[in-house]
């Protein structure tokens, strides 16, 4: 594992499997620490893709630089989905009125 300046640890062999049981239509509360990690990852992804597009003459199926971009994108999703979901308006109203959906 490697540690970033944000305190998030990055596994040496992070899986590139999709995140299971994640609601994609929900907003998330992004902490300053997670936001900083997302910003660093986004800059790294942008840098590698720009460099690849400007220097690569061919696009082979197996390329270490593209694999690095995919790994960074997976880590970006992992950090984002670890952030807590923001309750919807109706969920906040139900909680305020103490209406429990049983």
N, C-alpha and C. Protein backbone atom coordinates (compact mmCIF):
# COMPACT_ATOMS: atom_id res chain seq x y z
N UNK A 1 0.83 -1.18 0.00
CA UNK A 1 0.00 0.00 0.00
C UNK A 1 0.87 1.25 0.00
N UNK A 2 0.34 2.25 -0.61
CA UNK A 2 1.01 3.54 -0.61
C UNK A 2 0.05 4.55 0.00
N UNK A 3 0.58 5.53 0.68
CA UNK A 3 -0.26 6.57 1.28
C UNK A 3 -0.10 7.85 0.49
N UNK A 4 -1.19 8.54 0.32
CA UNK A 4 -1.15 9.82 -0.38
C UNK A 4 -1.03 10.94 0.64
N UNK A 5 -0.88 12.15 0.15
CA UNK A 5 -0.78 13.29 1.07
C UNK A 5 -2.10 13.58 1.74
N UNK A 6 -3.19 12.98 1.26
CA UNK A 6 -4.50 13.21 1.86
C UNK A 6 -4.79 12.22 2.97
N UNK A 7 -3.96 11.21 3.12
CA UNK A 7 -4.19 10.22 4.15
C UNK A 7 -4.92 8.99 3.66
N UNK A 8 -5.39 9.00 2.42
CA UNK A 8 -6.03 7.82 1.86
C UNK A 8 -4.95 6.82 1.47
N UNK A 9 -5.14 5.56 1.82
CA UNK A 9 -4.18 4.55 1.41
C UNK A 9 -4.63 3.97 0.07
N UNK A 10 -3.66 3.70 -0.77
CA UNK A 10 -3.94 3.17 -2.09
C UNK A 10 -3.37 1.76 -2.15
N UNK A 11 -4.23 0.74 -2.31
CA UNK A 11 -3.73 -0.61 -2.40
C UNK A 11 -2.86 -0.77 -3.65
N UNK A 12 -1.80 -1.55 -3.52
CA UNK A 12 -0.89 -1.74 -4.64
C UNK A 12 -1.59 -2.41 -5.82
N UNK A 13 -2.53 -3.28 -5.53
CA UNK A 13 -3.25 -3.97 -6.59
C UNK A 13 -4.74 -3.76 -6.39
N UNK A 14 -5.19 -2.54 -6.61
CA UNK A 14 -6.60 -2.22 -6.44
C UNK A 14 -7.41 -2.92 -7.53
N UNK A 15 -8.56 -3.42 -7.14
CA UNK A 15 -9.39 -4.12 -8.12
C UNK A 15 -10.01 -3.11 -9.06
N UNK A 16 -10.27 -3.55 -10.27
CA UNK A 16 -10.94 -2.69 -11.23
C UNK A 16 -12.36 -3.17 -11.44
N UNK A 17 -12.88 -3.96 -10.49
CA UNK A 17 -14.26 -4.43 -10.56
C UNK A 17 -15.20 -3.29 -10.21
N UNK A 18 -16.39 -3.28 -10.81
CA UNK A 18 -17.34 -2.22 -10.49
C UNK A 18 -17.78 -2.31 -9.03
N UNK A 19 -18.09 -1.16 -8.46
CA UNK A 19 -18.52 -1.10 -7.08
C UNK A 19 -19.94 -1.65 -6.99
N UNK A 20 -20.15 -2.63 -6.12
CA UNK A 20 -21.45 -3.29 -6.01
C UNK A 20 -22.39 -2.50 -5.11
N UNK A 21 -23.65 -2.59 -5.40
CA UNK A 21 -24.74 -2.01 -4.62
C UNK A 21 -24.52 -0.54 -4.27
N UNK A 22 -24.21 0.25 -5.27
CA UNK A 22 -24.02 1.69 -5.07
C UNK A 22 -25.09 2.41 -5.86
N UNK A 23 -25.77 3.34 -5.20
CA UNK A 23 -26.79 4.12 -5.88
C UNK A 23 -26.10 5.28 -6.60
N UNK A 24 -26.19 5.26 -7.91
CA UNK A 24 -25.51 6.26 -8.72
C UNK A 24 -26.28 7.57 -8.81
N UNK A 25 -27.58 7.53 -8.47
CA UNK A 25 -28.40 8.72 -8.63
C UNK A 25 -28.45 9.58 -7.37
N UNK A 26 -27.60 9.31 -6.41
CA UNK A 26 -27.61 10.04 -5.14
C UNK A 26 -26.45 11.01 -5.06
N UNK A 27 -26.71 12.18 -4.50
CA UNK A 27 -25.64 13.13 -4.21
C UNK A 27 -24.87 12.63 -3.02
N UNK A 28 -23.64 13.07 -2.88
CA UNK A 28 -22.80 12.62 -1.78
C UNK A 28 -22.21 13.83 -1.07
N UNK A 29 -22.00 13.64 0.23
CA UNK A 29 -21.32 14.66 1.03
C UNK A 29 -19.83 14.37 0.95
N UNK A 30 -19.09 15.25 0.30
CA UNK A 30 -17.66 15.05 0.10
C UNK A 30 -16.91 15.88 1.13
N UNK A 31 -16.18 15.19 1.99
CA UNK A 31 -15.40 15.87 3.02
C UNK A 31 -14.22 16.60 2.36
N UNK A 32 -13.64 17.57 3.04
CA UNK A 32 -12.47 18.24 2.47
C UNK A 32 -11.34 17.27 2.14
N UNK A 33 -11.15 16.28 2.99
CA UNK A 33 -10.09 15.28 2.75
C UNK A 33 -10.37 14.45 1.49
N UNK A 34 -11.62 14.00 1.34
CA UNK A 34 -12.00 13.25 0.15
C UNK A 34 -11.95 14.15 -1.09
N UNK A 35 -12.37 15.40 -0.95
CA UNK A 35 -12.31 16.33 -2.07
C UNK A 35 -10.89 16.57 -2.55
N UNK A 36 -9.96 16.65 -1.59
CA UNK A 36 -8.55 16.83 -1.95
C UNK A 36 -8.03 15.59 -2.68
N UNK A 37 -8.41 14.41 -2.19
CA UNK A 37 -7.99 13.16 -2.85
C UNK A 37 -8.56 13.08 -4.26
N UNK A 38 -9.84 13.44 -4.42
CA UNK A 38 -10.47 13.43 -5.75
C UNK A 38 -9.80 14.42 -6.70
N UNK A 39 -9.43 15.57 -6.16
CA UNK A 39 -8.75 16.58 -6.98
C UNK A 39 -7.39 16.07 -7.45
N UNK A 40 -6.63 15.46 -6.57
CA UNK A 40 -5.31 14.93 -6.93
C UNK A 40 -5.46 13.82 -7.96
N UNK A 41 -6.41 12.92 -7.74
CA UNK A 41 -6.62 11.83 -8.70
C UNK A 41 -7.06 12.37 -10.06
N UNK A 42 -7.93 13.36 -10.07
CA UNK A 42 -8.39 13.94 -11.34
C UNK A 42 -7.25 14.58 -12.11
N UNK A 43 -6.38 15.29 -11.39
CA UNK A 43 -5.22 15.90 -12.06
C UNK A 43 -4.29 14.83 -12.63
N UNK A 44 -4.08 13.75 -11.88
CA UNK A 44 -3.21 12.66 -12.36
C UNK A 44 -3.81 11.99 -13.59
N UNK A 45 -5.12 11.76 -13.57
CA UNK A 45 -5.80 11.15 -14.72
C UNK A 45 -5.69 12.06 -15.94
N UNK A 46 -5.95 13.33 -15.74
CA UNK A 46 -5.87 14.30 -16.84
C UNK A 46 -4.45 14.37 -17.42
N UNK A 47 -3.46 14.41 -16.54
CA UNK A 47 -2.07 14.49 -16.98
C UNK A 47 -1.69 13.26 -17.81
N UNK A 48 -2.01 12.06 -17.30
CA UNK A 48 -1.64 10.84 -18.01
C UNK A 48 -2.37 10.72 -19.35
N UNK A 49 -3.66 11.07 -19.38
CA UNK A 49 -4.38 10.96 -20.65
C UNK A 49 -3.88 11.98 -21.67
N UNK A 50 -3.61 13.20 -21.22
CA UNK A 50 -3.06 14.21 -22.14
C UNK A 50 -1.71 13.76 -22.69
N UNK A 51 -0.86 13.27 -21.81
CA UNK A 51 0.46 12.81 -22.23
C UNK A 51 0.34 11.64 -23.22
N UNK A 52 -0.58 10.74 -22.94
CA UNK A 52 -0.76 9.57 -23.81
C UNK A 52 -1.26 10.00 -25.18
N UNK A 53 -2.23 10.88 -25.23
CA UNK A 53 -2.80 11.32 -26.51
C UNK A 53 -1.75 12.07 -27.34
N UNK A 54 -0.90 12.84 -26.69
CA UNK A 54 0.08 13.63 -27.43
C UNK A 54 1.32 12.84 -27.83
N UNK A 55 1.60 11.72 -27.17
CA UNK A 55 2.83 10.97 -27.47
C UNK A 55 2.59 9.64 -28.15
N UNK A 56 1.41 9.06 -27.98
CA UNK A 56 1.17 7.73 -28.54
C UNK A 56 0.83 7.81 -30.02
N UNK A 57 1.55 7.00 -30.79
CA UNK A 57 1.27 6.94 -32.21
C UNK A 57 0.26 5.84 -32.52
N UNK A 58 0.25 4.82 -31.68
CA UNK A 58 -0.70 3.73 -31.84
C UNK A 58 -1.43 3.52 -30.52
N UNK A 59 -2.53 2.82 -30.58
CA UNK A 59 -3.31 2.52 -29.39
C UNK A 59 -3.39 1.01 -29.21
N UNK A 60 -2.33 0.41 -28.66
CA UNK A 60 -2.35 -1.05 -28.48
C UNK A 60 -3.38 -1.45 -27.42
N UNK A 61 -3.83 -2.70 -27.52
CA UNK A 61 -4.83 -3.20 -26.58
C UNK A 61 -4.29 -3.23 -25.16
N UNK A 62 -3.00 -3.56 -24.99
CA UNK A 62 -2.41 -3.63 -23.65
C UNK A 62 -1.33 -2.56 -23.56
N UNK A 63 -1.59 -1.57 -22.73
CA UNK A 63 -0.65 -0.47 -22.57
C UNK A 63 -0.60 -0.11 -21.09
N UNK A 64 0.61 -0.01 -20.55
CA UNK A 64 0.77 0.26 -19.12
C UNK A 64 0.23 1.63 -18.74
N UNK A 65 0.37 2.59 -19.62
CA UNK A 65 -0.12 3.94 -19.32
C UNK A 65 -1.65 3.96 -19.25
N UNK A 66 -2.31 3.24 -20.15
CA UNK A 66 -3.77 3.16 -20.10
C UNK A 66 -4.23 2.39 -18.87
N UNK A 67 -3.49 1.36 -18.49
CA UNK A 67 -3.82 0.61 -17.28
C UNK A 67 -3.68 1.50 -16.05
N UNK A 68 -2.69 2.37 -16.05
CA UNK A 68 -2.51 3.30 -14.93
C UNK A 68 -3.69 4.27 -14.85
N UNK A 69 -4.16 4.75 -16.00
CA UNK A 69 -5.32 5.64 -16.02
C UNK A 69 -6.55 4.91 -15.49
N UNK A 70 -6.74 3.66 -15.91
CA UNK A 70 -7.88 2.88 -15.43
C UNK A 70 -7.80 2.66 -13.93
N UNK A 71 -6.62 2.41 -13.41
CA UNK A 71 -6.43 2.22 -11.98
C UNK A 71 -6.76 3.50 -11.22
N UNK A 72 -6.28 4.64 -11.72
CA UNK A 72 -6.58 5.92 -11.09
C UNK A 72 -8.08 6.23 -11.13
N UNK A 73 -8.74 5.88 -12.22
CA UNK A 73 -10.17 6.10 -12.33
C UNK A 73 -10.93 5.23 -11.32
N UNK A 74 -10.50 4.00 -11.15
CA UNK A 74 -11.12 3.11 -10.15
C UNK A 74 -10.93 3.66 -8.75
N UNK A 75 -9.74 4.15 -8.45
CA UNK A 75 -9.49 4.74 -7.13
C UNK A 75 -10.33 5.99 -6.93
N UNK A 76 -10.53 6.77 -7.99
CA UNK A 76 -11.37 7.96 -7.94
C UNK A 76 -12.80 7.56 -7.56
N UNK A 77 -13.34 6.53 -8.22
CA UNK A 77 -14.69 6.05 -7.91
C UNK A 77 -14.76 5.52 -6.48
N UNK A 78 -13.72 4.82 -6.06
CA UNK A 78 -13.68 4.25 -4.72
C UNK A 78 -13.75 5.35 -3.66
N UNK A 79 -12.97 6.40 -3.82
CA UNK A 79 -12.99 7.51 -2.87
C UNK A 79 -14.36 8.18 -2.88
N UNK A 80 -14.92 8.40 -4.07
CA UNK A 80 -16.22 9.07 -4.18
C UNK A 80 -17.33 8.26 -3.52
N UNK A 81 -17.37 6.95 -3.78
CA UNK A 81 -18.44 6.12 -3.24
C UNK A 81 -18.28 5.84 -1.76
N UNK A 82 -17.11 6.11 -1.20
CA UNK A 82 -16.93 5.99 0.25
C UNK A 82 -17.54 7.18 0.99
N UNK A 83 -17.82 8.25 0.27
CA UNK A 83 -18.46 9.42 0.88
C UNK A 83 -19.93 9.10 1.17
N UNK A 84 -20.43 9.67 2.24
CA UNK A 84 -21.81 9.38 2.65
C UNK A 84 -22.80 10.02 1.68
N UNK A 85 -23.93 9.33 1.51
CA UNK A 85 -24.98 9.84 0.64
C UNK A 85 -25.74 10.96 1.34
N UNK A 86 -26.16 11.93 0.57
CA UNK A 86 -26.98 13.03 1.09
C UNK A 86 -28.43 12.56 1.00
N UNK A 87 -29.17 12.63 2.10
CA UNK A 87 -30.58 12.21 2.05
C UNK A 87 -31.37 13.06 1.08
N UNK A 88 -32.33 12.43 0.43
CA UNK A 88 -33.18 13.17 -0.51
C UNK A 88 -34.10 14.11 0.27
N UNK A 89 -34.75 15.00 -0.43
CA UNK A 89 -35.66 15.95 0.21
C UNK A 89 -36.78 15.21 0.93
N UNK A 90 -37.35 14.20 0.27
CA UNK A 90 -38.44 13.46 0.91
C UNK A 90 -37.95 12.69 2.14
N UNK A 91 -36.76 12.16 2.10
CA UNK A 91 -36.20 11.47 3.27
C UNK A 91 -35.99 12.44 4.42
N UNK A 92 -35.53 13.65 4.12
CA UNK A 92 -35.35 14.64 5.17
C UNK A 92 -36.69 15.07 5.76
N UNK A 93 -37.71 15.22 4.91
CA UNK A 93 -39.05 15.59 5.41
C UNK A 93 -39.61 14.49 6.30
N UNK A 94 -39.48 13.23 5.88
CA UNK A 94 -39.96 12.11 6.69
C UNK A 94 -39.25 12.07 8.03
N UNK A 95 -37.95 12.31 8.03
CA UNK A 95 -37.19 12.30 9.28
C UNK A 95 -37.62 13.45 10.18
N UNK A 96 -37.86 14.61 9.57
CA UNK A 96 -38.29 15.77 10.34
C UNK A 96 -39.65 15.54 10.98
N UNK A 97 -40.54 14.89 10.24
CA UNK A 97 -41.88 14.62 10.74
C UNK A 97 -41.99 13.29 11.48
N UNK A 98 -40.86 12.61 11.61
CA UNK A 98 -40.80 11.31 12.29
C UNK A 98 -41.73 10.29 11.66
N UNK A 99 -41.79 10.30 10.35
CA UNK A 99 -42.58 9.31 9.62
C UNK A 99 -41.63 8.20 9.16
N UNK A 100 -41.71 7.09 9.82
CA UNK A 100 -40.85 5.96 9.47
C UNK A 100 -41.57 5.09 8.46
N UNK A 101 -40.92 4.86 7.35
CA UNK A 101 -41.48 3.94 6.35
C UNK A 101 -41.16 2.53 6.80
N UNK A 102 -42.16 1.80 7.24
CA UNK A 102 -41.94 0.45 7.76
C UNK A 102 -42.02 -0.59 6.71
